[in-house]
Amino acid sequence: MNSNPHIEKIKTNLNSIIDKLEKLNDNNFENSISDIKSYISDTKNEKAALSLKPGKKIPEINDSLKVLTKKIVKRLDNIIEIKESDSQALSSELKNLHNQKKLALYKR
């Protein structure tokens, strides 16, 4: 089966998104998100160029791109889990500091 250039471009974009998500950190967040948005926009344009109709199945898309999209979803879930954990730890620290402040005021 000959490979469709639009599908290949979508695969490249999805792989680039995965790469950006893997390297995402607090220092490069803004730039990475900007790049990811650009890849998403380009992917939407490529999908439109394929002239896919809702519900139309193309085996190459269903098989090869499904794996990439699952990787993206898994990585996003991991990022959310990490950030929630960080947020809970910070919340706990703030609560402890607040309680220490109350105790210090009470002891006066």
N, C-alpha and C. Protein backbone atom coordinates (compact mmCIF):
# COMPACT_ATOMS: atom_id res chain seq x y z
N MET A 1 0.84 -1.18 0.00
CA MET A 1 0.00 0.00 0.00
C MET A 1 0.90 1.25 0.00
N ASN A 2 0.63 2.16 -0.93
CA ASN A 2 1.39 3.41 -0.97
C ASN A 2 0.98 4.29 0.19
N SER A 3 1.95 4.93 0.76
CA SER A 3 1.69 5.77 1.91
C SER A 3 1.19 7.14 1.45
N ASN A 4 0.18 7.61 2.11
CA ASN A 4 -0.40 8.90 1.81
C ASN A 4 0.45 9.99 2.48
N PRO A 5 0.86 11.03 1.74
CA PRO A 5 1.71 12.07 2.33
C PRO A 5 1.02 12.83 3.48
N HIS A 6 -0.30 12.95 3.42
CA HIS A 6 -1.02 13.62 4.50
C HIS A 6 -0.96 12.78 5.78
N ILE A 7 -1.11 11.49 5.62
CA ILE A 7 -1.04 10.59 6.78
C ILE A 7 0.37 10.60 7.36
N GLU A 8 1.36 10.60 6.50
CA GLU A 8 2.76 10.65 6.97
C GLU A 8 3.03 11.94 7.73
N LYS A 9 2.48 13.04 7.26
CA LYS A 9 2.66 14.33 7.94
C LYS A 9 1.95 14.31 9.30
N ILE A 10 0.78 13.71 9.36
CA ILE A 10 0.06 13.57 10.63
C ILE A 10 0.88 12.73 11.60
N LYS A 11 1.45 11.63 11.12
CA LYS A 11 2.30 10.78 11.97
C LYS A 11 3.49 11.58 12.50
N THR A 12 4.12 12.35 11.63
CA THR A 12 5.26 13.17 12.03
C THR A 12 4.84 14.17 13.10
N ASN A 13 3.71 14.82 12.90
CA ASN A 13 3.21 15.78 13.88
C ASN A 13 2.92 15.12 15.22
N LEU A 14 2.28 13.95 15.19
CA LEU A 14 1.95 13.26 16.44
C LEU A 14 3.23 12.83 17.16
N ASN A 15 4.21 12.36 16.42
CA ASN A 15 5.49 12.00 17.03
C ASN A 15 6.18 13.23 17.64
N SER A 16 6.06 14.36 16.96
CA SER A 16 6.63 15.60 17.47
C SER A 16 5.94 16.04 18.76
N ILE A 17 4.63 15.86 18.81
CA ILE A 17 3.87 16.19 20.02
C ILE A 17 4.33 15.30 21.17
N ILE A 18 4.47 14.01 20.90
CA ILE A 18 4.94 13.07 21.93
C ILE A 18 6.32 13.50 22.43
N ASP A 19 7.20 13.86 21.51
CA ASP A 19 8.55 14.29 21.89
C ASP A 19 8.50 15.54 22.77
N LYS A 20 7.68 16.51 22.38
CA LYS A 20 7.54 17.74 23.18
C LYS A 20 6.98 17.44 24.57
N LEU A 21 6.02 16.54 24.64
CA LEU A 21 5.43 16.18 25.93
C LEU A 21 6.44 15.45 26.82
N GLU A 22 7.27 14.62 26.21
CA GLU A 22 8.28 13.90 26.98
C GLU A 22 9.32 14.85 27.57
N LYS A 23 9.61 15.92 26.86
CA LYS A 23 10.64 16.87 27.29
C LYS A 23 10.06 18.06 28.05
N LEU A 24 8.76 18.06 28.25
CA LEU A 24 8.08 19.19 28.89
C LEU A 24 8.52 19.34 30.35
N ASN A 25 8.85 20.57 30.72
CA ASN A 25 9.15 20.89 32.11
C ASN A 25 8.75 22.33 32.37
N ASP A 26 8.94 22.78 33.61
CA ASP A 26 8.52 24.13 33.98
C ASP A 26 9.29 25.20 33.22
N ASN A 27 10.52 24.91 32.85
CA ASN A 27 11.36 25.91 32.17
C ASN A 27 11.00 26.10 30.69
N ASN A 28 10.48 25.06 30.05
CA ASN A 28 10.17 25.17 28.62
C ASN A 28 8.67 25.07 28.33
N PHE A 29 7.85 25.20 29.35
CA PHE A 29 6.41 24.97 29.20
C PHE A 29 5.79 25.84 28.12
N GLU A 30 6.00 27.15 28.19
CA GLU A 30 5.36 28.07 27.24
C GLU A 30 5.75 27.77 25.79
N ASN A 31 7.03 27.58 25.55
CA ASN A 31 7.50 27.29 24.19
C ASN A 31 6.98 25.94 23.70
N SER A 32 7.01 24.95 24.58
CA SER A 32 6.54 23.62 24.19
C SER A 32 5.06 23.61 23.86
N ILE A 33 4.27 24.30 24.68
CA ILE A 33 2.82 24.35 24.43
C ILE A 33 2.54 25.08 23.12
N SER A 34 3.29 26.13 22.87
CA SER A 34 3.13 26.86 21.60
C SER A 34 3.44 25.95 20.41
N ASP A 35 4.52 25.19 20.52
CA ASP A 35 4.89 24.25 19.45
C ASP A 35 3.82 23.18 19.28
N ILE A 36 3.32 22.66 20.40
CA ILE A 36 2.30 21.61 20.34
C ILE A 36 1.04 22.15 19.66
N LYS A 37 0.64 23.37 19.99
CA LYS A 37 -0.53 23.98 19.34
C LYS A 37 -0.31 24.09 17.83
N SER A 38 0.90 24.42 17.44
CA SER A 38 1.22 24.52 16.02
C SER A 38 1.11 23.15 15.34
N TYR A 39 1.62 22.11 16.00
CA TYR A 39 1.51 20.75 15.45
C TYR A 39 0.05 20.33 15.34
N ILE A 40 -0.75 20.69 16.34
CA ILE A 40 -2.17 20.33 16.30
C ILE A 40 -2.86 21.02 15.14
N SER A 41 -2.57 22.30 14.95
CA SER A 41 -3.16 23.05 13.85
C SER A 41 -2.78 22.44 12.50
N ASP A 42 -1.50 22.13 12.37
CA ASP A 42 -1.02 21.51 11.13
C ASP A 42 -1.68 20.15 10.91
N THR A 43 -1.86 19.40 11.98
CA THR A 43 -2.51 18.09 11.88
C THR A 43 -3.95 18.23 11.42
N LYS A 44 -4.65 19.23 11.97
CA LYS A 44 -6.03 19.47 11.53
C LYS A 44 -6.08 19.82 10.05
N ASN A 45 -5.13 20.61 9.59
CA ASN A 45 -5.08 20.96 8.17
C ASN A 45 -4.82 19.73 7.30
N GLU A 46 -3.94 18.87 7.77
CA GLU A 46 -3.65 17.64 7.02
C GLU A 46 -4.87 16.72 6.98
N LYS A 47 -5.56 16.65 8.10
CA LYS A 47 -6.78 15.83 8.15
C LYS A 47 -7.82 16.38 7.17
N ALA A 48 -7.96 17.70 7.15
CA ALA A 48 -8.90 18.32 6.21
C ALA A 48 -8.49 18.03 4.77
N ALA A 49 -7.19 18.01 4.52
CA ALA A 49 -6.71 17.72 3.16
C ALA A 49 -7.03 16.29 2.75
N LEU A 50 -7.17 15.42 3.70
CA LEU A 50 -7.54 14.04 3.38
C LEU A 50 -9.02 13.93 2.99
N SER A 51 -9.77 15.00 3.27
CA SER A 51 -11.21 15.02 3.00
C SER A 51 -11.92 13.84 3.63
N LEU A 52 -11.57 13.60 4.89
CA LEU A 52 -12.23 12.52 5.61
C LEU A 52 -13.62 12.95 6.02
N LYS A 53 -14.54 12.04 5.87
CA LYS A 53 -15.90 12.29 6.31
C LYS A 53 -16.09 11.57 7.64
N PRO A 54 -16.91 12.12 8.54
CA PRO A 54 -17.12 11.46 9.83
C PRO A 54 -17.56 10.02 9.65
N GLY A 55 -16.92 9.14 10.38
CA GLY A 55 -17.26 7.73 10.33
C GLY A 55 -16.56 6.95 9.24
N LYS A 56 -15.90 7.63 8.32
CA LYS A 56 -15.20 6.92 7.25
C LYS A 56 -13.94 6.29 7.84
N LYS A 57 -13.72 5.04 7.56
CA LYS A 57 -12.60 4.30 8.13
C LYS A 57 -11.51 4.11 7.08
N ILE A 58 -10.30 4.45 7.48
CA ILE A 58 -9.14 4.16 6.65
C ILE A 58 -8.24 3.29 7.51
N PRO A 59 -8.01 2.05 7.15
CA PRO A 59 -7.26 1.13 8.01
C PRO A 59 -5.91 1.68 8.46
N GLU A 60 -5.20 2.36 7.58
CA GLU A 60 -3.89 2.88 7.95
C GLU A 60 -4.01 3.91 9.08
N ILE A 61 -5.05 4.71 9.02
CA ILE A 61 -5.25 5.71 10.07
C ILE A 61 -5.66 5.01 11.37
N ASN A 62 -6.59 4.10 11.27
CA ASN A 62 -7.08 3.43 12.47
C ASN A 62 -5.99 2.65 13.18
N ASP A 63 -5.09 2.03 12.44
CA ASP A 63 -4.07 1.20 13.06
C ASP A 63 -2.84 1.98 13.51
N SER A 64 -2.27 2.74 12.62
CA SER A 64 -0.99 3.37 12.94
C SER A 64 -1.12 4.63 13.79
N LEU A 65 -2.16 5.40 13.57
CA LEU A 65 -2.31 6.63 14.33
C LEU A 65 -2.92 6.41 15.71
N LYS A 66 -3.67 5.35 15.85
CA LYS A 66 -4.29 5.05 17.14
C LYS A 66 -3.23 4.85 18.22
N VAL A 67 -2.14 4.18 17.87
CA VAL A 67 -1.05 3.95 18.82
C VAL A 67 -0.44 5.28 19.26
N LEU A 68 -0.22 6.17 18.31
CA LEU A 68 0.37 7.47 18.62
C LEU A 68 -0.56 8.31 19.49
N THR A 69 -1.84 8.31 19.17
CA THR A 69 -2.78 9.11 19.97
C THR A 69 -2.91 8.55 21.38
N LYS A 70 -2.82 7.23 21.53
CA LYS A 70 -2.87 6.64 22.87
C LYS A 70 -1.64 7.04 23.67
N LYS A 71 -0.47 7.12 23.02
CA LYS A 71 0.74 7.57 23.71
C LYS A 71 0.59 9.01 24.19
N ILE A 72 -0.02 9.85 23.35
CA ILE A 72 -0.23 11.25 23.73
C ILE A 72 -1.16 11.33 24.93
N VAL A 73 -2.26 10.60 24.89
CA VAL A 73 -3.22 10.61 26.00
C VAL A 73 -2.55 10.11 27.28
N LYS A 74 -1.77 9.04 27.19
CA LYS A 74 -1.09 8.50 28.37
C LYS A 74 -0.11 9.51 28.94
N ARG A 75 0.65 10.18 28.08
CA ARG A 75 1.62 11.16 28.56
C ARG A 75 0.92 12.36 29.20
N LEU A 76 -0.18 12.81 28.61
CA LEU A 76 -0.95 13.90 29.21
C LEU A 76 -1.50 13.49 30.58
N ASP A 77 -1.99 12.27 30.68
CA ASP A 77 -2.49 11.77 31.96
C ASP A 77 -1.37 11.75 33.00
N ASN A 78 -0.17 11.33 32.58
CA ASN A 78 0.97 11.31 33.50
C ASN A 78 1.34 12.72 33.95
N ILE A 79 1.33 13.66 33.03
CA ILE A 79 1.65 15.05 33.38
C ILE A 79 0.63 15.59 34.38
N ILE A 80 -0.65 15.32 34.14
CA ILE A 80 -1.70 15.78 35.05
C ILE A 80 -1.53 15.16 36.43
N GLU A 81 -1.23 13.88 36.46
CA GLU A 81 -1.02 13.19 37.74
C GLU A 81 0.15 13.78 38.51
N ILE A 82 1.24 14.06 37.82
CA ILE A 82 2.42 14.65 38.46
C ILE A 82 2.09 16.04 39.00
N LYS A 83 1.42 16.85 38.20
CA LYS A 83 1.08 18.21 38.62
C LYS A 83 0.09 18.20 39.79
N GLU A 84 -0.85 17.26 39.79
CA GLU A 84 -1.79 17.16 40.91
C GLU A 84 -1.05 16.77 42.18
N SER A 85 -0.11 15.87 42.06
CA SER A 85 0.69 15.45 43.20
C SER A 85 1.51 16.62 43.74
N ASP A 86 2.15 17.36 42.84
CA ASP A 86 2.91 18.55 43.23
C ASP A 86 2.02 19.57 43.91
N SER A 87 0.83 19.76 43.37
CA SER A 87 -0.12 20.72 43.92
C SER A 87 -0.55 20.30 45.33
N GLN A 88 -0.81 19.02 45.52
CA GLN A 88 -1.21 18.54 46.84
C GLN A 88 -0.08 18.70 47.85
N ALA A 89 1.15 18.43 47.42
CA ALA A 89 2.29 18.59 48.32
C ALA A 89 2.46 20.06 48.71
N LEU A 90 2.32 20.94 47.73
CA LEU A 90 2.43 22.38 48.01
C LEU A 90 1.31 22.84 48.93
N SER A 91 0.12 22.35 48.70
CA SER A 91 -1.02 22.69 49.55
C SER A 91 -0.77 22.25 50.99
N SER A 92 -0.24 21.07 51.15
CA SER A 92 0.07 20.55 52.48
C SER A 92 1.13 21.41 53.17
N GLU A 93 2.16 21.80 52.44
CA GLU A 93 3.20 22.67 52.99
C GLU A 93 2.62 24.02 53.42
N LEU A 94 1.78 24.60 52.58
CA LEU A 94 1.16 25.88 52.91
C LEU A 94 0.27 25.77 54.15
N LYS A 95 -0.45 24.67 54.24
CA LYS A 95 -1.32 24.46 55.40
C LYS A 95 -0.47 24.35 56.66
N ASN A 96 0.64 23.62 56.59
CA ASN A 96 1.53 23.50 57.74
C ASN A 96 2.12 24.85 58.14
N LEU A 97 2.53 25.64 57.16
CA LEU A 97 3.06 26.97 57.45
C LEU A 97 2.00 27.86 58.10
N HIS A 98 0.80 27.77 57.60
CA HIS A 98 -0.30 28.56 58.15
C HIS A 98 -0.56 28.14 59.61
N ASN A 99 -0.55 26.84 59.86
CA ASN A 99 -0.76 26.35 61.23
C ASN A 99 0.36 26.80 62.16
N GLN A 100 1.61 26.79 61.66
CA GLN A 100 2.73 27.25 62.47
C GLN A 100 2.58 28.74 62.79
N LYS A 101 2.11 29.50 61.84
CA LYS A 101 1.88 30.93 62.05
C LYS A 101 0.82 31.14 63.13
N LYS A 102 -0.25 30.36 63.06
CA LYS A 102 -1.30 30.45 64.08
C LYS A 102 -0.76 30.12 65.45
N LEU A 103 0.05 29.06 65.53
CA LEU A 103 0.63 28.67 66.82
C LEU A 103 1.55 29.76 67.36
N ALA A 104 2.33 30.36 66.49
CA ALA A 104 3.25 31.42 66.91
C ALA A 104 2.47 32.62 67.44
N LEU A 105 1.38 32.97 66.80
CA LEU A 105 0.54 34.07 67.25
C LEU A 105 -0.15 33.74 68.58
N TYR A 106 -0.55 32.50 68.72
CA TYR A 106 -1.25 32.05 69.92
C TYR A 106 -0.31 32.09 71.14
N LYS A 107 0.97 31.74 70.90
CA LYS A 107 1.95 31.68 71.98
C LYS A 107 2.32 33.07 72.50
N ARG A 108 2.08 34.10 71.75
CA ARG A 108 2.43 35.47 72.15
C ARG A 108 1.62 35.92 73.28
